[in-house]
C-alpha cells in the first residue's frame, strides 16, 4: 500500500515537472519570437524612417545616412537581443541557419512570421506618422530587376558569410560580433544601395511594400537574399575546417 502510494506520488511529481517544463519552454519560445519582432521592427523603422524623414524635411541624408541608419540599428539590436533570440531579424538568415544546421527547422516558421510582423508594424507606424511618403522606404530597383537580383544575392552572401564567422565559429565569436555584422550591412548598402536599395532582408522590403502597396519587383528582395544567404552560410562551412586546428 505504501509502495503504491509512493509510486503515485512520484508519478504525480514527474507529471507536474513535465507540465512546468512545457510551460517554461513555451514562455521561452514566445520571448524569442517577441525579441525577433522587436529587433526587426527597429531595423525597418530605422531604414525606412531615414528615407521618409529625408524626403519629408528636405534634409538630404543620402546613401551614407541610410547605410549608417541601417547598420547602427542592426548593431544595436544584436547587442540588445542577441542573447535572447539569436538576433536573426531576417527570414533569409533564419533559413540559412536552418540549412547549415545551426537552427531547428521547426522554429523557422515562427521566426519568419515574427520578423514579418515586426516589419509590418514598423511600416504601419511610419505611415501613421508621415503618411505614404517615399513609399515608406520601399526597396525599388533603379537599373532593372536582374541586375538588382544579382546584387542582392551577392550582398546577402557577404552578410551571411560574416554572420556565420562571428556567430558560430568559436575562434571568431566575441563582443565585436554585432559591430562586424552592422558594418557589413553598412558597406553592402553603400555598394548596392544605388542600384537595388541594398535590402538583404525580405522582411525589411516586405513591410514598407505592404503598407505603401508598392509591389514592383518585390520578388527580387525575396529571391536574392534567399539564394545569397544560404550560399554564404554553406561556403563558410566549407572554409572553416576544424575549429581545433
C-alpha atoms as a PDB file:
ATOM      1  CA  UNK A   1       0.000   0.000   0.000  1.00  0.00           C
ATOM      2  CA  UNK A   2       2.797   2.394   0.989  1.00  0.00           C
ATOM      3  CA  UNK A   3       4.859   1.453  -2.080  1.00  0.00           C
ATOM      4  CA  UNK A   4       1.875   2.059  -4.372  1.00  0.00           C
ATOM      5  CA  UNK A   5       1.253   5.430  -2.751  1.00  0.00           C
ATOM      6  CA  UNK A   6       4.914   6.394  -3.152  1.00  0.00           C
ATOM      7  CA  UNK A   7       4.790   5.429  -6.854  1.00  0.00           C
ATOM      8  CA  UNK A   8       1.645   7.505  -7.386  1.00  0.00           C
ATOM      9  CA  UNK A   9       3.276  10.466  -5.624  1.00  0.00           C
ATOM     10  CA  UNK A  10       6.423  10.085  -7.734  1.00  0.00           C
ATOM     11  CA  UNK A  11       4.382   9.888 -10.965  1.00  0.00           C
ATOM     12  CA  UNK A  12       2.383  12.970  -9.979  1.00  0.00           C
ATOM     13  CA  UNK A  13       5.601  14.861  -9.256  1.00  0.00           C
ATOM     14  CA  UNK A  14       7.078  13.819 -12.597  1.00  0.00           C
ATOM     15  CA  UNK A  15       3.904  14.876 -14.397  1.00  0.00           C
ATOM     16  CA  UNK A  16       3.953  18.256 -12.648  1.00  0.00           C
ATOM     17  CA  UNK A  17       7.609  18.719 -13.588  1.00  0.00           C
ATOM     18  CA  UNK A  18       6.842  17.968 -17.244  1.00  0.00           C
ATOM     19  CA  UNK A  19       3.958  20.447 -17.253  1.00  0.00           C
ATOM     20  CA  UNK A  20       6.160  23.140 -15.713  1.00  0.00           C
ATOM     21  CA  UNK A  21       8.913  22.396 -18.231  1.00  0.00           C
ATOM     22  CA  UNK A  22       6.418  22.683 -21.090  1.00  0.00           C
ATOM     23  CA  UNK A  23       5.095  25.990 -19.777  1.00  0.00           C
ATOM     24  CA  UNK A  24       8.654  27.277 -19.373  1.00  0.00           C
ATOM     25  CA  UNK A  25       9.536  26.099 -22.879  1.00  0.00           C
ATOM     26  CA  UNK A  26       6.503  27.863 -24.380  1.00  0.00           C
ATOM     27  CA  UNK A  27       7.304  31.003 -22.417  1.00  0.00           C
ATOM     28  CA  UNK A  28      10.892  30.962 -23.667  1.00  0.00           C
ATOM     29  CA  UNK A  29       9.693  30.479 -27.232  1.00  0.00           C
ATOM     30  CA  UNK A  30       7.326  33.447 -27.062  1.00  0.00           C
ATOM     31  CA  UNK A  31      10.093  35.598 -25.619  1.00  0.00           C
ATOM     32  CA  UNK A  32      12.373  34.673 -28.527  1.00  0.00           C
ATOM     33  CA  UNK A  33       9.651  35.447 -31.054  1.00  0.00           C
ATOM     34  CA  UNK A  34       8.903  38.733 -29.348  1.00  0.00           C
ATOM     35  CA  UNK A  35      12.581  39.672 -29.434  1.00  0.00           C
ATOM     36  CA  UNK A  36      12.755  38.864 -33.159  1.00  0.00           C
ATOM     37  CA  UNK A  37       9.723  41.059 -33.797  1.00  0.00           C
ATOM     38  CA  UNK A  38      11.154  43.974 -31.785  1.00  0.00           C
ATOM     39  CA  UNK A  39      14.554  43.718 -33.483  1.00  0.00           C
ATOM     40  CA  UNK A  40      13.074  43.597 -36.971  1.00  0.00           C
ATOM     41  CA  UNK A  41      10.705  46.453 -36.110  1.00  0.00           C
ATOM     42  CA  UNK A  42      13.670  48.612 -35.091  1.00  0.00           C
ATOM     43  CA  UNK A  43      15.674  47.853 -38.228  1.00  0.00           C
ATOM     44  CA  UNK A  44      12.765  48.555 -40.590  1.00  0.00           C
ATOM     45  CA  UNK A  45      11.780  51.684 -38.684  1.00  0.00           C
ATOM     46  CA  UNK A  46      15.356  52.993 -38.901  1.00  0.00           C
ATOM     47  CA  UNK A  47      15.888  52.085 -42.556  1.00  0.00           C
ATOM     48  CA  UNK A  48      12.512  53.302 -43.770  1.00  0.00           C
ATOM     49  CA  UNK A  49      12.436  56.248 -41.381  1.00  0.00           C
ATOM     50  CA  UNK A  50      15.729  57.624 -42.685  1.00  0.00           C
ATOM     51  CA  UNK A  51      14.364  57.667 -46.227  1.00  0.00           C
ATOM     52  CA  UNK A  52      10.983  59.105 -45.262  1.00  0.00           C
ATOM     53  CA  UNK A  53      12.410  61.805 -42.986  1.00  0.00           C
ATOM     54  CA  UNK A  54      14.927  62.812 -45.629  1.00  0.00           C
ATOM     55  CA  UNK A  55      12.210  63.404 -48.231  1.00  0.00           C
ATOM     56  CA  UNK A  56       9.782  64.986 -45.778  1.00  0.00           C
ATOM     57  CA  UNK A  57      12.191  67.574 -44.369  1.00  0.00           C
ATOM     58  CA  UNK A  58      14.433  68.167 -47.348  1.00  0.00           C
ATOM     59  CA  UNK A  59      17.482  67.273 -45.233  1.00  0.00           C
ATOM     60  CA  UNK A  60      19.413  65.056 -47.602  1.00  0.00           C
ATOM     61  CA  UNK A  61      20.785  62.196 -45.531  1.00  0.00           C
ATOM     62  CA  UNK A  62      21.789  60.498 -48.752  1.00  0.00           C
ATOM     63  CA  UNK A  63      23.100  56.993 -49.231  1.00  0.00           C
ATOM     64  CA  UNK A  64      25.597  57.332 -46.401  1.00  0.00           C
ATOM     65  CA  UNK A  65      22.869  58.291 -43.932  1.00  0.00           C
ATOM     66  CA  UNK A  66      20.627  55.406 -44.986  1.00  0.00           C
ATOM     67  CA  UNK A  67      23.517  52.948 -44.774  1.00  0.00           C
ATOM     68  CA  UNK A  68      24.541  54.045 -41.296  1.00  0.00           C
ATOM     69  CA  UNK A  69      20.940  54.153 -40.038  1.00  0.00           C
ATOM     70  CA  UNK A  70      20.501  50.512 -41.019  1.00  0.00           C
ATOM     71  CA  UNK A  71      23.939  49.379 -39.876  1.00  0.00           C
ATOM     72  CA  UNK A  72      23.656  51.073 -36.490  1.00  0.00           C
ATOM     73  CA  UNK A  73      20.157  49.684 -35.932  1.00  0.00           C
ATOM     74  CA  UNK A  74      21.373  46.154 -36.701  1.00  0.00           C
ATOM     75  CA  UNK A  75      24.365  46.560 -34.381  1.00  0.00           C
ATOM     76  CA  UNK A  76      22.261  47.918 -31.524  1.00  0.00           C
ATOM     77  CA  UNK A  77      19.629  45.188 -31.778  1.00  0.00           C
ATOM     78  CA  UNK A  78      22.212  42.400 -31.874  1.00  0.00           C
ATOM     79  CA  UNK A  79      23.786  43.766 -28.694  1.00  0.00           C
ATOM     80  CA  UNK A  80      20.357  44.222 -27.089  1.00  0.00           C
ATOM     81  CA  UNK A  81      18.617  40.993 -28.124  1.00  0.00           C
ATOM     82  CA  UNK A  82      21.211  38.528 -29.397  1.00  0.00           C
ATOM     83  CA  UNK A  83      21.349  36.684 -26.066  1.00  0.00           C
ATOM     84  CA  UNK A  84      17.561  36.236 -26.093  1.00  0.00           C
ATOM     85  CA  UNK A  85      16.732  35.128 -29.635  1.00  0.00           C
ATOM     86  CA  UNK A  86      19.978  34.820 -31.595  1.00  0.00           C
ATOM     87  CA  UNK A  87      19.245  38.091 -33.423  1.00  0.00           C
ATOM     88  CA  UNK A  88      18.301  36.859 -36.880  1.00  0.00           C
ATOM     89  CA  UNK A  89      15.861  39.701 -37.732  1.00  0.00           C
ATOM     90  CA  UNK A  90      15.829  38.405 -41.305  1.00  0.00           C
ATOM     91  CA  UNK A  91      13.936  35.473 -42.880  1.00  0.00           C
ATOM     92  CA  UNK A  92      16.865  34.712 -45.204  1.00  0.00           C
ATOM     93  CA  UNK A  93      19.252  34.461 -42.244  1.00  0.00           C
ATOM     94  CA  UNK A  94      16.832  32.179 -40.392  1.00  0.00           C
ATOM     95  CA  UNK A  95      16.539  29.897 -43.436  1.00  0.00           C
ATOM     96  CA  UNK A  96      20.306  29.883 -43.913  1.00  0.00           C
ATOM     97  CA  UNK A  97      20.962  28.965 -40.267  1.00  0.00           C
ATOM     98  CA  UNK A  98      18.459  26.144 -40.606  1.00  0.00           C
ATOM     99  CA  UNK A  99      20.062  24.815 -43.806  1.00  0.00           C
ATOM    100  CA  UNK A 100      23.527  24.700 -42.219  1.00  0.00           C
ATOM    101  CA  UNK A 101      22.030  23.035 -39.131  1.00  0.00           C
ATOM    102  CA  UNK A 102      22.587  25.853 -36.670  1.00  0.00           C
ATOM    103  CA  UNK A 103      18.869  26.403 -36.095  1.00  0.00           C
ATOM    104  CA  UNK A 104      15.998  23.891 -35.663  1.00  0.00           C
ATOM    105  CA  UNK A 105      13.789  23.763 -38.741  1.00  0.00           C
ATOM    106  CA  UNK A 106      10.624  23.547 -36.621  1.00  0.00           C
ATOM    107  CA  UNK A 107      11.345  27.059 -35.309  1.00  0.00           C
ATOM    108  CA  UNK A 108      11.707  28.599 -38.774  1.00  0.00           C
ATOM    109  CA  UNK A 109       8.006  29.434 -39.471  1.00  0.00           C
ATOM    110  CA  UNK A 110       7.573  31.166 -36.117  1.00  0.00           C
ATOM    111  CA  UNK A 111      10.707  33.247 -36.539  1.00  0.00           C
ATOM    112  CA  UNK A 112       9.770  34.330 -40.055  1.00  0.00           C
ATOM    113  CA  UNK A 113       6.234  35.280 -39.016  1.00  0.00           C
ATOM    114  CA  UNK A 114       7.626  37.291 -36.084  1.00  0.00           C
ATOM    115  CA  UNK A 115      10.066  39.086 -38.388  1.00  0.00           C
ATOM    116  CA  UNK A 116       7.386  39.902 -40.957  1.00  0.00           C
ATOM    117  CA  UNK A 117       5.056  41.048 -38.190  1.00  0.00           C
ATOM    118  CA  UNK A 118       7.676  43.383 -36.732  1.00  0.00           C
ATOM    119  CA  UNK A 119       8.427  44.798 -40.182  1.00  0.00           C
ATOM    120  CA  UNK A 120       4.743  45.475 -40.884  1.00  0.00           C
ATOM    121  CA  UNK A 121       4.280  47.170 -37.517  1.00  0.00           C
ATOM    122  CA  UNK A 122       7.260  49.440 -38.220  1.00  0.00           C
ATOM    123  CA  UNK A 123       5.903  50.365 -41.641  1.00  0.00           C
ATOM    124  CA  UNK A 124       2.467  50.966 -40.102  1.00  0.00           C
ATOM    125  CA  UNK A 125       3.950  53.383 -37.594  1.00  0.00           C
ATOM    126  CA  UNK A 126       5.853  55.215 -40.334  1.00  0.00           C
ATOM    127  CA  UNK A 127       2.642  55.572 -42.340  1.00  0.00           C
ATOM    128  CA  UNK A 128       0.737  56.776 -39.290  1.00  0.00           C
ATOM    129  CA  UNK A 129       3.400  59.395 -38.517  1.00  0.00           C
ATOM    130  CA  UNK A 130       4.226  60.633 -42.009  1.00  0.00           C
ATOM    131  CA  UNK A 131       1.707  59.270 -44.494  1.00  0.00           C
ATOM    132  CA  UNK A 132       2.737  57.402 -47.630  1.00  0.00           C
ATOM    133  CA  UNK A 133       5.918  59.350 -48.330  1.00  0.00           C
ATOM    134  CA  UNK A 134       8.765  57.810 -50.361  1.00  0.00           C
ATOM    135  CA  UNK A 135       6.792  54.543 -50.379  1.00  0.00           C
ATOM    136  CA  UNK A 136       7.760  54.244 -46.695  1.00  0.00           C
ATOM    137  CA  UNK A 137      11.317  53.442 -47.738  1.00  0.00           C
ATOM    138  CA  UNK A 138      10.400  50.543 -50.004  1.00  0.00           C
ATOM    139  CA  UNK A 139      13.236  48.988 -51.997  1.00  0.00           C
ATOM    140  CA  UNK A 140      12.937  49.509 -55.753  1.00  0.00           C
ATOM    141  CA  UNK A 141      15.441  48.571 -58.496  1.00  0.00           C
ATOM    142  CA  UNK A 142      16.844  51.577 -60.340  1.00  0.00           C
ATOM    143  CA  UNK A 143      18.638  49.731 -63.147  1.00  0.00           C
ATOM    144  CA  UNK A 144      16.500  46.681 -63.805  1.00  0.00           C
ATOM    145  CA  UNK A 145      15.331  43.677 -61.814  1.00  0.00           C
ATOM    146  CA  UNK A 146      18.012  41.227 -62.986  1.00  0.00           C
ATOM    147  CA  UNK A 147      20.898  43.498 -62.024  1.00  0.00           C
ATOM    148  CA  UNK A 148      19.286  44.148 -58.639  1.00  0.00           C
ATOM    149  CA  UNK A 149      18.700  40.423 -58.126  1.00  0.00           C
ATOM    150  CA  UNK A 150      22.377  39.653 -58.697  1.00  0.00           C
ATOM    151  CA  UNK A 151      23.425  42.414 -56.310  1.00  0.00           C
ATOM    152  CA  UNK A 152      21.006  41.179 -53.630  1.00  0.00           C
ATOM    153  CA  UNK A 153      22.415  37.668 -53.977  1.00  0.00           C
ATOM    154  CA  UNK A 154      25.992  38.937 -53.638  1.00  0.00           C
ATOM    155  CA  UNK A 155      25.468  41.230 -50.648  1.00  0.00           C
ATOM    156  CA  UNK A 156      23.281  38.647 -48.879  1.00  0.00           C
ATOM    157  CA  UNK A 157      26.127  36.171 -49.406  1.00  0.00           C
ATOM    158  CA  UNK A 158      28.575  38.587 -47.746  1.00  0.00           C
ATOM    159  CA  UNK A 159      26.198  39.233 -44.862  1.00  0.00           C
ATOM    160  CA  UNK A 160      25.616  35.571 -44.051  1.00  0.00           C
ATOM    161  CA  UNK A 161      29.290  34.738 -44.515  1.00  0.00           C
ATOM    162  CA  UNK A 162      30.204  37.275 -41.831  1.00  0.00           C
ATOM    163  CA  UNK A 163      27.332  36.192 -39.566  1.00  0.00           C
ATOM    164  CA  UNK A 164      28.481  32.580 -39.750  1.00  0.00           C
ATOM    165  CA  UNK A 165      32.017  33.591 -38.866  1.00  0.00           C
ATOM    166  CA  UNK A 166      31.243  35.736 -35.842  1.00  0.00           C
ATOM    167  CA  UNK A 167      28.166  33.893 -34.569  1.00  0.00           C
ATOM    168  CA  UNK A 168      29.043  30.210 -34.981  1.00  0.00           C
ATOM    169  CA  UNK A 169      32.832  29.864 -35.038  1.00  0.00           C
ATOM    170  CA  UNK A 170      34.395  29.811 -31.562  1.00  0.00           C
ATOM    171  CA  UNK A 171      37.612  31.247 -32.985  1.00  0.00           C
ATOM    172  CA  UNK A 172      35.845  34.426 -34.081  1.00  0.00           C
ATOM    173  CA  UNK A 173      32.900  34.849 -31.689  1.00  0.00           C
ATOM    174  CA  UNK A 174      33.317  37.848 -29.420  1.00  0.00           C
ATOM    175  CA  UNK A 175      31.936  41.184 -28.249  1.00  0.00           C
ATOM    176  CA  UNK A 176      32.720  42.687 -31.658  1.00  0.00           C
ATOM    177  CA  UNK A 177      30.340  40.310 -33.473  1.00  0.00           C
ATOM    178  CA  UNK A 178      27.493  42.843 -33.572  1.00  0.00           C
ATOM    179  CA  UNK A 179      29.823  45.540 -34.869  1.00  0.00           C
ATOM    180  CA  UNK A 180      31.147  43.257 -37.631  1.00  0.00           C
ATOM    181  CA  UNK A 181      27.619  42.438 -38.792  1.00  0.00           C
ATOM    182  CA  UNK A 182      26.467  46.054 -38.601  1.00  0.00           C
ATOM    183  CA  UNK A 183      29.467  47.236 -40.634  1.00  0.00           C
ATOM    184  CA  UNK A 184      28.754  44.542 -43.223  1.00  0.00           C
ATOM    185  CA  UNK A 185      25.205  45.857 -43.584  1.00  0.00           C
ATOM    186  CA  UNK A 186      26.582  49.392 -43.922  1.00  0.00           C
ATOM    187  CA  UNK A 187      29.126  48.600 -46.619  1.00  0.00           C
ATOM    188  CA  UNK A 188      26.636  46.406 -48.509  1.00  0.00           C
ATOM    189  CA  UNK A 189      24.129  49.267 -48.681  1.00  0.00           C
ATOM    190  CA  UNK A 190      26.853  51.661 -49.795  1.00  0.00           C
ATOM    191  CA  UNK A 191      27.802  49.265 -52.597  1.00  0.00           C
ATOM    192  CA  UNK A 192      24.357  48.095 -53.741  1.00  0.00           C
ATOM    193  CA  UNK A 193      22.043  50.818 -52.446  1.00  0.00           C
ATOM    194  CA  UNK A 194      22.063  52.994 -55.578  1.00  0.00           C
ATOM    195  CA  UNK A 195      21.014  50.023 -57.729  1.00  0.00           C
ATOM    196  CA  UNK A 196      18.857  47.687 -55.630  1.00  0.00           C
ATOM    197  CA  UNK A 197      18.376  49.569 -52.386  1.00  0.00           C
ATOM    198  CA  UNK A 198      20.598  47.127 -50.518  1.00  0.00           C
ATOM    199  CA  UNK A 199      17.901  45.154 -48.719  1.00  0.00           C
ATOM    200  CA  UNK A 200      19.425  41.713 -47.939  1.00  0.00           C
ATOM    201  CA  UNK A 201      16.294  41.139 -45.898  1.00  0.00           C
ATOM    202  CA  UNK A 202      12.853  40.065 -47.206  1.00  0.00           C
ATOM    203  CA  UNK A 203      11.159  41.404 -44.065  1.00  0.00           C
ATOM    204  CA  UNK A 204      12.782  44.834 -44.458  1.00  0.00           C
ATOM    205  CA  UNK A 205      11.376  45.023 -48.002  1.00  0.00           C
ATOM    206  CA  UNK A 206       8.015  43.399 -47.297  1.00  0.00           C
ATOM    207  CA  UNK A 207       6.769  45.682 -44.511  1.00  0.00           C
ATOM    208  CA  UNK A 208       7.074  49.001 -46.386  1.00  0.00           C
ATOM    209  CA  UNK A 209       5.876  47.360 -49.635  1.00  0.00           C
ATOM    210  CA  UNK A 210       2.711  46.086 -47.963  1.00  0.00           C
ATOM    211  CA  UNK A 211       1.819  49.323 -46.185  1.00  0.00           C
ATOM    212  CA  UNK A 212       2.545  51.512 -49.230  1.00  0.00           C
ATOM    213  CA  UNK A 213       1.259  48.883 -51.686  1.00  0.00           C
ATOM    214  CA  UNK A 214       4.478  49.044 -53.698  1.00  0.00           C
ATOM    215  CA  UNK A 215       4.926  45.616 -55.239  1.00  0.00           C
ATOM    216  CA  UNK A 216       7.142  46.460 -58.210  1.00  0.00           C
ATOM    217  CA  UNK A 217       9.825  43.752 -58.474  1.00  0.00           C
ATOM    218  CA  UNK A 218       9.208  42.697 -54.860  1.00  0.00           C
ATOM    219  CA  UNK A 219      10.245  39.164 -55.810  1.00  0.00           C
ATOM    220  CA  UNK A 220      13.841  40.413 -56.187  1.00  0.00           C
ATOM    221  CA  UNK A 221      14.008  41.128 -52.463  1.00  0.00           C
ATOM    222  CA  UNK A 222      12.849  37.644 -51.558  1.00  0.00           C
ATOM    223  CA  UNK A 223      14.673  35.556 -54.123  1.00  0.00           C
ATOM    224  CA  UNK A 224      18.003  37.380 -53.872  1.00  0.00           C
ATOM    225  CA  UNK A 225      18.514  37.028 -50.095  1.00  0.00           C
ATOM    226  CA  UNK A 226      17.033  33.509 -50.032  1.00  0.00           C
ATOM    227  CA  UNK A 227      19.657  32.431 -52.591  1.00  0.00           C
ATOM    228  CA  UNK A 228      22.568  34.501 -51.316  1.00  0.00           C
ATOM    229  CA  UNK A 229      22.329  33.944 -47.555  1.00  0.00           C
ATOM    230  CA  UNK A 230      22.329  30.116 -47.650  1.00  0.00           C
ATOM    231  CA  UNK A 231      25.220  30.214 -50.137  1.00  0.00           C
ATOM    232  CA  UNK A 232      27.185  32.406 -47.743  1.00  0.00           C
ATOM    233  CA  UNK A 233      26.483  30.030 -44.872  1.00  0.00           C
ATOM    234  CA  UNK A 234      27.427  26.942 -46.873  1.00  0.00           C
ATOM    235  CA  UNK A 235      30.661  28.462 -48.202  1.00  0.00           C
ATOM    236  CA  UNK A 236      31.753  29.442 -44.695  1.00  0.00           C
ATOM    237  CA  UNK A 237      31.007  25.921 -43.501  1.00  0.00           C
ATOM    238  CA  UNK A 238      33.297  24.588 -46.227  1.00  0.00           C
ATOM    239  CA  UNK A 239      36.098  27.038 -45.410  1.00  0.00           C
ATOM    240  CA  UNK A 240      36.018  26.909 -41.630  1.00  0.00           C
ATOM    241  CA  UNK A 241      37.674  23.488 -41.358  1.00  0.00           C
ATOM    242  CA  UNK A 242      38.292  22.015 -37.931  1.00  0.00           C
ATOM    243  CA  UNK A 243      37.905  24.555 -35.127  1.00  0.00           C
ATOM    244  CA  UNK A 244      40.512  22.663 -33.092  1.00  0.00           C
ATOM    245  CA  UNK A 245      43.249  23.128 -35.696  1.00  0.00           C
END
